[in-house]
Amino acid sequence: MSRSSGFPELNFPAYSFRIKESEGNFEIFDPVRKKFVALTPEEWVRQHVIAFLNSAKGYPLSLLKVEKQFTLNRLVKRADIVACNKSGKPVLIVECKSYDVPISQDTFDQAVRYNLVLQVNYLLITNGMNTYCCSLVNGEYTALNDVPDYNSLLIT
């Protein structure tokens, strides 16, 4: 367990986060949104993914979008994290779930539905305990062994 948050350690490298208590609730600093946000179990996972993408995989914070809003079938949806290339085109969708929510086919289906609009070549699904990444080539999703580095996305 993380001493300051009460949340478990996740299957990501250990990162240092800015966490504060405000009116009895914990908040965590989101470096993408540049503000403190409520520290929920899903946010704990999301902040680990942001730190991992940035520090381990080279994704610039300036090209990550958190809770990226878009319209799907006339409904407003929000992708947890969308990574963009330097031109602003989305290249990766990340769907985060709380560490106690199992990853299911429904989770993959949600990301695939989002991709109908965002048109990326990579999906990342995680609950912090289990992480799955796949690529989309010629209309087929293929499981990957690792999350691609940012620079490798730009040449594929």
C-alpha atoms as a PDB file:
ATOM      1  CA  MET A   1       0.000   0.000   0.000  1.00  0.00           C
ATOM      2  CA  SER A   2       1.101   3.526  -0.684  1.00  0.00           C
ATOM      3  CA  ARG A   3       1.348   5.195   2.708  1.00  0.00           C
ATOM      4  CA  SER A   4      -0.091   8.522   1.631  1.00  0.00           C
ATOM      5  CA  SER A   5      -2.967   7.298  -0.509  1.00  0.00           C
ATOM      6  CA  GLY A   6      -4.012   3.988   1.003  1.00  0.00           C
ATOM      7  CA  PHE A   7      -4.026   2.514  -2.511  1.00  0.00           C
ATOM      8  CA  PRO A   8      -2.046  -0.580  -3.462  1.00  0.00           C
ATOM      9  CA  GLU A   9       1.187  -0.606  -5.404  1.00  0.00           C
ATOM     10  CA  LEU A  10       0.491  -1.183  -9.076  1.00  0.00           C
ATOM     11  CA  ASN A  11       2.359  -3.161 -11.728  1.00  0.00           C
ATOM     12  CA  PHE A  12       4.127  -0.031 -12.919  1.00  0.00           C
ATOM     13  CA  PRO A  13       7.462   1.361 -11.758  1.00  0.00           C
ATOM     14  CA  ALA A  14       7.319   3.316  -8.504  1.00  0.00           C
ATOM     15  CA  TYR A  15       6.762   7.019  -9.096  1.00  0.00           C
ATOM     16  CA  SER A  16       6.691  10.007  -6.796  1.00  0.00           C
ATOM     17  CA  PHE A  17       3.394  11.890  -6.862  1.00  0.00           C
ATOM     18  CA  ARG A  18       2.294  15.171  -5.343  1.00  0.00           C
ATOM     19  CA  ILE A  19      -0.596  14.230  -3.055  1.00  0.00           C
ATOM     20  CA  LYS A  20      -2.348  16.545  -0.643  1.00  0.00           C
ATOM     21  CA  GLU A  21      -5.249  16.299   1.721  1.00  0.00           C
ATOM     22  CA  SER A  22      -8.026  18.842   1.281  1.00  0.00           C
ATOM     23  CA  GLU A  23     -11.076  18.891   3.529  1.00  0.00           C
ATOM     24  CA  GLY A  24     -10.613  15.229   4.456  1.00  0.00           C
ATOM     25  CA  ASN A  25     -10.150  14.075   0.862  1.00  0.00           C
ATOM     26  CA  PHE A  26      -6.933  13.281  -0.942  1.00  0.00           C
ATOM     27  CA  GLU A  27      -5.987  14.938  -4.209  1.00  0.00           C
ATOM     28  CA  ILE A  28      -3.205  14.082  -6.642  1.00  0.00           C
ATOM     29  CA  PHE A  29      -1.477  16.505  -8.987  1.00  0.00           C
ATOM     30  CA  ASP A  30      -2.113  15.738 -12.649  1.00  0.00           C
ATOM     31  CA  PRO A  31       0.855  17.050 -14.686  1.00  0.00           C
ATOM     32  CA  VAL A  32      -1.193  16.972 -17.908  1.00  0.00           C
ATOM     33  CA  ARG A  33      -4.152  18.981 -16.618  1.00  0.00           C
ATOM     34  CA  LYS A  34      -1.756  20.961 -14.390  1.00  0.00           C
ATOM     35  CA  LYS A  35      -4.019  20.820 -11.343  1.00  0.00           C
ATOM     36  CA  PHE A  36      -4.891  18.715  -8.333  1.00  0.00           C
ATOM     37  CA  VAL A  37      -7.744  16.261  -8.914  1.00  0.00           C
ATOM     38  CA  ALA A  38      -9.649  13.911  -6.613  1.00  0.00           C
ATOM     39  CA  LEU A  39      -7.580  10.843  -5.837  1.00  0.00           C
ATOM     40  CA  THR A  40      -9.916   7.988  -6.733  1.00  0.00           C
ATOM     41  CA  PRO A  41      -8.813   4.404  -7.422  1.00  0.00           C
ATOM     42  CA  GLU A  42      -9.142   5.018 -11.186  1.00  0.00           C
ATOM     43  CA  GLU A  43      -7.171   8.274 -10.918  1.00  0.00           C
ATOM     44  CA  TRP A  44      -4.421   6.392  -9.049  1.00  0.00           C
ATOM     45  CA  VAL A  45      -4.130   4.095 -12.072  1.00  0.00           C
ATOM     46  CA  ARG A  46      -4.347   6.983 -14.566  1.00  0.00           C
ATOM     47  CA  GLN A  47      -1.524   8.925 -12.892  1.00  0.00           C
ATOM     48  CA  HIS A  48       0.691   5.838 -12.945  1.00  0.00           C
ATOM     49  CA  VAL A  49       0.001   5.412 -16.655  1.00  0.00           C
ATOM     50  CA  ILE A  50       0.802   9.078 -17.343  1.00  0.00           C
ATOM     51  CA  ALA A  51       4.080   8.793 -15.422  1.00  0.00           C
ATOM     52  CA  PHE A  52       4.924   5.510 -17.197  1.00  0.00           C
ATOM     53  CA  LEU A  53       4.158   6.833 -20.669  1.00  0.00           C
ATOM     54  CA  ASN A  54       6.204   9.960 -20.021  1.00  0.00           C
ATOM     55  CA  SER A  55       9.234   8.637 -18.142  1.00  0.00           C
ATOM     56  CA  ALA A  56       9.571   5.072 -19.470  1.00  0.00           C
ATOM     57  CA  LYS A  57       8.168   5.417 -22.987  1.00  0.00           C
ATOM     58  CA  GLY A  58       9.032   9.002 -23.957  1.00  0.00           C
ATOM     59  CA  TYR A  59       5.518  10.393 -24.477  1.00  0.00           C
ATOM     60  CA  PRO A  60       5.646  14.190 -24.038  1.00  0.00           C
ATOM     61  CA  LEU A  61       3.195  15.405 -21.384  1.00  0.00           C
ATOM     62  CA  SER A  62       2.221  18.222 -23.744  1.00  0.00           C
ATOM     63  CA  LEU A  63       0.910  15.655 -26.255  1.00  0.00           C
ATOM     64  CA  LEU A  64      -1.203  13.696 -23.767  1.00  0.00           C
ATOM     65  CA  LYS A  65      -4.878  14.529 -23.363  1.00  0.00           C
ATOM     66  CA  VAL A  66      -6.691  13.431 -20.199  1.00  0.00           C
ATOM     67  CA  GLU A  67     -10.428  12.751 -20.352  1.00  0.00           C
ATOM     68  CA  LYS A  68     -10.386  13.658 -24.040  1.00  0.00           C
ATOM     69  CA  GLN A  69     -13.956  14.497 -24.977  1.00  0.00           C
ATOM     70  CA  PHE A  70     -15.526  13.443 -28.278  1.00  0.00           C
ATOM     71  CA  THR A  71     -18.927  12.519 -29.692  1.00  0.00           C
ATOM     72  CA  LEU A  72     -19.905   8.946 -30.529  1.00  0.00           C
ATOM     73  CA  ASN A  73     -23.414   8.271 -31.872  1.00  0.00           C
ATOM     74  CA  ARG A  74     -24.513  11.698 -30.632  1.00  0.00           C
ATOM     75  CA  LEU A  75     -23.323  10.863 -27.116  1.00  0.00           C
ATOM     76  CA  VAL A  76     -20.481  12.708 -25.409  1.00  0.00           C
ATOM     77  CA  LYS A  77     -17.733  10.276 -24.377  1.00  0.00           C
ATOM     78  CA  ARG A  78     -14.371  10.745 -22.690  1.00  0.00           C
ATOM     79  CA  ALA A  79     -11.270   8.682 -23.287  1.00  0.00           C
ATOM     80  CA  ASP A  80      -9.110   8.425 -20.165  1.00  0.00           C
ATOM     81  CA  ILE A  81      -5.878   9.288 -21.969  1.00  0.00           C
ATOM     82  CA  VAL A  82      -5.176  10.007 -25.619  1.00  0.00           C
ATOM     83  CA  ALA A  83      -1.605  10.384 -26.841  1.00  0.00           C
ATOM     84  CA  CYS A  84      -1.122  12.525 -29.936  1.00  0.00           C
ATOM     85  CA  ASN A  85       1.700  12.935 -32.413  1.00  0.00           C
ATOM     86  CA  LYS A  86       3.404  16.289 -32.941  1.00  0.00           C
ATOM     87  CA  SER A  87       0.702  17.266 -35.438  1.00  0.00           C
ATOM     88  CA  GLY A  88      -2.002  16.707 -32.808  1.00  0.00           C
ATOM     89  CA  LYS A  89      -3.347  13.522 -34.422  1.00  0.00           C
ATOM     90  CA  PRO A  90      -4.311  10.846 -31.850  1.00  0.00           C
ATOM     91  CA  VAL A  91      -2.030   7.786 -31.969  1.00  0.00           C
ATOM     92  CA  LEU A  92      -2.906   5.891 -28.756  1.00  0.00           C
ATOM     93  CA  ILE A  93      -6.045   5.500 -26.636  1.00  0.00           C
ATOM     94  CA  VAL A  94      -5.641   4.464 -22.993  1.00  0.00           C
ATOM     95  CA  GLU A  95      -8.598   3.087 -21.059  1.00  0.00           C
ATOM     96  CA  CYS A  96      -7.989   3.005 -17.300  1.00  0.00           C
ATOM     97  CA  LYS A  97     -10.045   1.096 -14.783  1.00  0.00           C
ATOM     98  CA  SER A  98      -9.721   0.966 -11.014  1.00  0.00           C
ATOM     99  CA  TYR A  99      -7.232  -1.600  -9.744  1.00  0.00           C
ATOM    100  CA  ASP A 100     -10.124  -3.668  -8.338  1.00  0.00           C
ATOM    101  CA  VAL A 101     -12.092  -3.770 -11.626  1.00  0.00           C
ATOM    102  CA  PRO A 102     -11.156  -6.776 -13.780  1.00  0.00           C
ATOM    103  CA  ILE A 103     -10.274  -6.137 -17.417  1.00  0.00           C
ATOM    104  CA  SER A 104     -12.987  -7.746 -19.538  1.00  0.00           C
ATOM    105  CA  GLN A 105     -14.121  -7.979 -23.131  1.00  0.00           C
ATOM    106  CA  ASP A 106     -16.425  -5.041 -22.362  1.00  0.00           C
ATOM    107  CA  THR A 107     -13.352  -2.950 -21.525  1.00  0.00           C
ATOM    108  CA  PHE A 108     -11.762  -3.776 -24.878  1.00  0.00           C
ATOM    109  CA  ASP A 109     -15.065  -3.153 -26.650  1.00  0.00           C
ATOM    110  CA  GLN A 110     -15.287   0.293 -25.042  1.00  0.00           C
ATOM    111  CA  ALA A 111     -11.827   1.241 -26.336  1.00  0.00           C
ATOM    112  CA  VAL A 112     -12.644  -0.149 -29.797  1.00  0.00           C
ATOM    113  CA  ARG A 113     -15.859   1.941 -29.891  1.00  0.00           C
ATOM    114  CA  TYR A 114     -13.846   5.038 -28.953  1.00  0.00           C
ATOM    115  CA  ASN A 115     -11.475   4.202 -31.762  1.00  0.00           C
ATOM    116  CA  LEU A 116     -14.316   4.412 -34.289  1.00  0.00           C
ATOM    117  CA  VAL A 117     -14.037   8.171 -33.752  1.00  0.00           C
ATOM    118  CA  LEU A 118     -10.395   8.699 -32.755  1.00  0.00           C
ATOM    119  CA  GLN A 119      -8.855   6.407 -35.404  1.00  0.00           C
ATOM    120  CA  VAL A 120      -5.626   5.427 -33.615  1.00  0.00           C
ATOM    121  CA  ASN A 121      -3.347   2.479 -34.318  1.00  0.00           C
ATOM    122  CA  TYR A 122      -2.761   1.527 -30.664  1.00  0.00           C
ATOM    123  CA  LEU A 123      -4.973   0.749 -27.667  1.00  0.00           C
ATOM    124  CA  LEU A 124      -3.789   0.379 -24.087  1.00  0.00           C
ATOM    125  CA  ILE A 125      -6.119  -1.107 -21.473  1.00  0.00           C
ATOM    126  CA  THR A 126      -5.101  -1.267 -17.805  1.00  0.00           C
ATOM    127  CA  ASN A 127      -6.357  -1.544 -14.256  1.00  0.00           C
ATOM    128  CA  GLY A 128      -2.830  -1.082 -12.940  1.00  0.00           C
ATOM    129  CA  MET A 129      -2.540  -4.759 -12.103  1.00  0.00           C
ATOM    130  CA  ASN A 130      -2.996  -6.065 -15.648  1.00  0.00           C
ATOM    131  CA  THR A 131      -2.069  -4.085 -18.737  1.00  0.00           C
ATOM    132  CA  TYR A 132      -2.829  -4.996 -22.339  1.00  0.00           C
ATOM    133  CA  CYS A 133      -1.691  -3.222 -25.455  1.00  0.00           C
ATOM    134  CA  CYS A 134      -2.644  -3.940 -29.040  1.00  0.00           C
ATOM    135  CA  SER A 135      -2.070  -2.498 -32.467  1.00  0.00           C
ATOM    136  CA  LEU A 136      -4.550  -2.042 -35.273  1.00  0.00           C
ATOM    137  CA  VAL A 137      -3.238  -2.967 -38.715  1.00  0.00           C
ATOM    138  CA  ASN A 138      -5.470  -3.511 -41.750  1.00  0.00           C
ATOM    139  CA  GLY A 139      -8.591  -3.603 -39.570  1.00  0.00           C
ATOM    140  CA  GLU A 140      -7.226  -6.293 -37.204  1.00  0.00           C
ATOM    141  CA  TYR A 141      -6.198  -5.846 -33.579  1.00  0.00           C
ATOM    142  CA  THR A 142      -3.032  -7.702 -32.573  1.00  0.00           C
ATOM    143  CA  ALA A 143      -1.794  -8.111 -28.988  1.00  0.00           C
ATOM    144  CA  LEU A 144       1.609  -6.586 -28.259  1.00  0.00           C
ATOM    145  CA  ASN A 145       4.100  -7.722 -25.633  1.00  0.00           C
ATOM    146  CA  ASP A 146       4.902  -4.168 -24.560  1.00  0.00           C
ATOM    147  CA  VAL A 147       3.688  -0.604 -24.861  1.00  0.00           C
ATOM    148  CA  PRO A 148       5.424   1.020 -27.842  1.00  0.00           C
ATOM    149  CA  ASP A 149       7.838   3.869 -27.215  1.00  0.00           C
ATOM    150  CA  TYR A 150       6.551   7.229 -28.425  1.00  0.00           C
ATOM    151  CA  ASN A 151       9.218   7.533 -31.119  1.00  0.00           C
ATOM    152  CA  SER A 152       8.339   4.113 -32.567  1.00  0.00           C
ATOM    153  CA  LEU A 153       4.720   5.253 -33.051  1.00  0.00           C
ATOM    154  CA  LEU A 154       5.875   8.057 -35.298  1.00  0.00           C
ATOM    155  CA  ILE A 155       7.565   5.801 -37.830  1.00  0.00           C
ATOM    156  CA  THR A 156       4.941   3.042 -38.076  1.00  0.00           C
END
